[in-house]
Structure formats: C-alpha cells, structure tokens
Amino acid sequence: MRPHPRRITLLGWLGVGCIAFYWLIMLTPTKAVNFGPALDVIGPFGWLILLGMVVLPIVAVWRGSRWWLAGAAAGVITFVDVLRRIH
C-alpha cells in the first residue's frame, strides 16, 4: 500500500468544502441566511471556489485514495450546474 499523506486528504476536504459552500448558498433560502457580506468579501475571487471544487478532489485522487473519485465527480456535477445557471 502507498502511504496516505495527511496533506493530500486536506486538499480533498478543501475541495469538498468548496462544493458544500456552493450548495449551501444554492439551497438555503435567502431569508434564513444572508450570505451577502461573505460573497462581497470573495468578490472577484469567486472563480477560485469553482476551480477548487473540481481540481482539489482530482489531485487527492491522483495522489491518494481512489475514494476521492466521489468528491471529484461531485465537483464536476456542481461545475456543470454552475454553468447551467450562468446561461
């Protein structure tokens, strides 16, 4: 078995965190939680969340456990959903 470094797992969990952040914003009613100030702080760097939710789990798959394929698939599905909502 190959070693499973902690830093690779951290990359995968950061990617899953980006996915969870996106879906939390999409599924939470605007009256319940106001994400306006948080999104204003992110500003022009919002594309980093999109990049992180796809790339980081893929790096975790490449370097670590194959179980991160589920995270990578969720990232790709979420990215497709983002593109669908943009157009």
Protein backbone atom coordinates (compact mmCIF):
# COMPACT_ATOMS: atom_id res chain seq x y z
CA MET A 1 0.00 0.00 0.00
CA ARG A 2 1.13 3.50 -0.66
CA PRO A 3 1.27 5.99 2.14
CA HIS A 4 -1.74 8.26 2.53
CA PRO A 5 -0.30 11.66 3.46
CA ARG A 6 -2.40 13.95 5.55
CA ARG A 7 -1.84 16.92 3.26
CA ILE A 8 -3.45 15.10 0.32
CA THR A 9 -6.52 14.38 2.43
CA LEU A 10 -6.61 18.05 3.38
CA LEU A 11 -6.66 19.04 -0.30
CA GLY A 12 -9.59 16.73 -0.93
CA TRP A 13 -11.51 18.08 2.05
CA LEU A 14 -10.89 21.65 0.91
CA GLY A 15 -12.42 20.74 -2.44
CA VAL A 16 -15.42 19.15 -0.72
CA GLY A 17 -15.72 22.29 1.41
CA CYS A 18 -15.93 24.39 -1.77
CA ILE A 19 -18.68 22.11 -3.07
CA ALA A 20 -20.56 22.31 0.23
CA PHE A 21 -20.23 26.11 0.27
CA TYR A 22 -21.75 26.36 -3.20
CA TRP A 23 -24.67 24.06 -2.42
CA LEU A 24 -25.29 25.78 0.90
CA ILE A 25 -25.70 29.07 -0.93
CA MET A 26 -27.94 27.50 -3.58
CA LEU A 27 -30.18 25.52 -1.23
CA THR A 28 -30.53 27.90 1.70
CA PRO A 29 -33.35 30.41 1.45
CA THR A 30 -32.13 33.99 1.34
CA LYS A 31 -34.33 34.91 4.31
CA ALA A 32 -32.82 32.25 6.55
CA VAL A 33 -29.14 33.03 5.98
CA ASN A 34 -27.71 36.20 4.48
CA PHE A 35 -24.53 35.36 2.59
CA GLY A 36 -24.31 38.81 1.02
CA PRO A 37 -21.39 40.09 3.14
CA ALA A 38 -19.46 36.84 2.69
CA LEU A 39 -19.88 36.91 -1.08
CA ASP A 40 -18.88 40.59 -1.20
CA VAL A 41 -15.61 39.70 0.53
CA ILE A 42 -14.93 36.94 -2.03
CA GLY A 43 -15.71 39.34 -4.86
CA PRO A 44 -13.68 38.69 -8.00
CA PHE A 45 -12.08 35.58 -6.50
CA GLY A 46 -15.30 33.55 -6.68
CA TRP A 47 -13.85 31.61 -9.59
CA LEU A 48 -11.32 30.12 -7.14
CA ILE A 49 -14.18 28.29 -5.43
CA LEU A 50 -15.22 26.81 -8.77
CA LEU A 51 -11.66 25.83 -9.54
CA GLY A 52 -11.11 24.39 -6.07
CA MET A 53 -14.21 22.21 -6.11
CA VAL A 54 -13.05 20.45 -9.28
CA VAL A 55 -9.26 20.44 -9.09
CA LEU A 56 -8.59 19.69 -5.41
CA PRO A 57 -10.50 16.38 -5.24
CA ILE A 58 -8.86 15.33 -8.53
CA VAL A 59 -5.43 15.98 -7.00
CA ALA A 60 -6.48 13.92 -3.97
CA VAL A 61 -7.47 11.04 -6.29
CA TRP A 62 -4.22 11.23 -8.19
CA ARG A 63 -2.04 11.33 -5.10
CA GLY A 64 -4.10 9.49 -2.51
CA SER A 65 -7.12 7.28 -2.14
CA ARG A 66 -9.43 6.39 -5.00
CA TRP A 67 -12.39 7.20 -2.75
CA TRP A 68 -11.85 10.83 -3.68
CA LEU A 69 -13.31 10.00 -7.10
CA ALA A 70 -16.72 10.56 -5.50
CA GLY A 71 -15.63 14.05 -4.45
CA ALA A 72 -14.24 14.74 -7.90
CA ALA A 73 -17.49 13.56 -9.51
CA ALA A 74 -19.48 15.82 -7.17
CA GLY A 75 -17.22 18.72 -8.14
CA VAL A 76 -17.75 18.13 -11.84
CA ILE A 77 -21.53 17.80 -11.38
CA THR A 78 -21.55 21.03 -9.39
CA PHE A 79 -19.46 22.78 -12.03
CA VAL A 80 -21.93 21.69 -14.71
CA ASP A 81 -24.75 23.05 -12.53
CA VAL A 82 -22.94 26.38 -12.22
CA LEU A 83 -22.53 26.59 -16.00
CA ARG A 84 -26.19 25.74 -16.47
CA ARG A 85 -27.25 28.51 -14.08
CA ILE A 86 -24.98 31.06 -15.75
CA HIS A 87 -26.53 30.56 -19.19
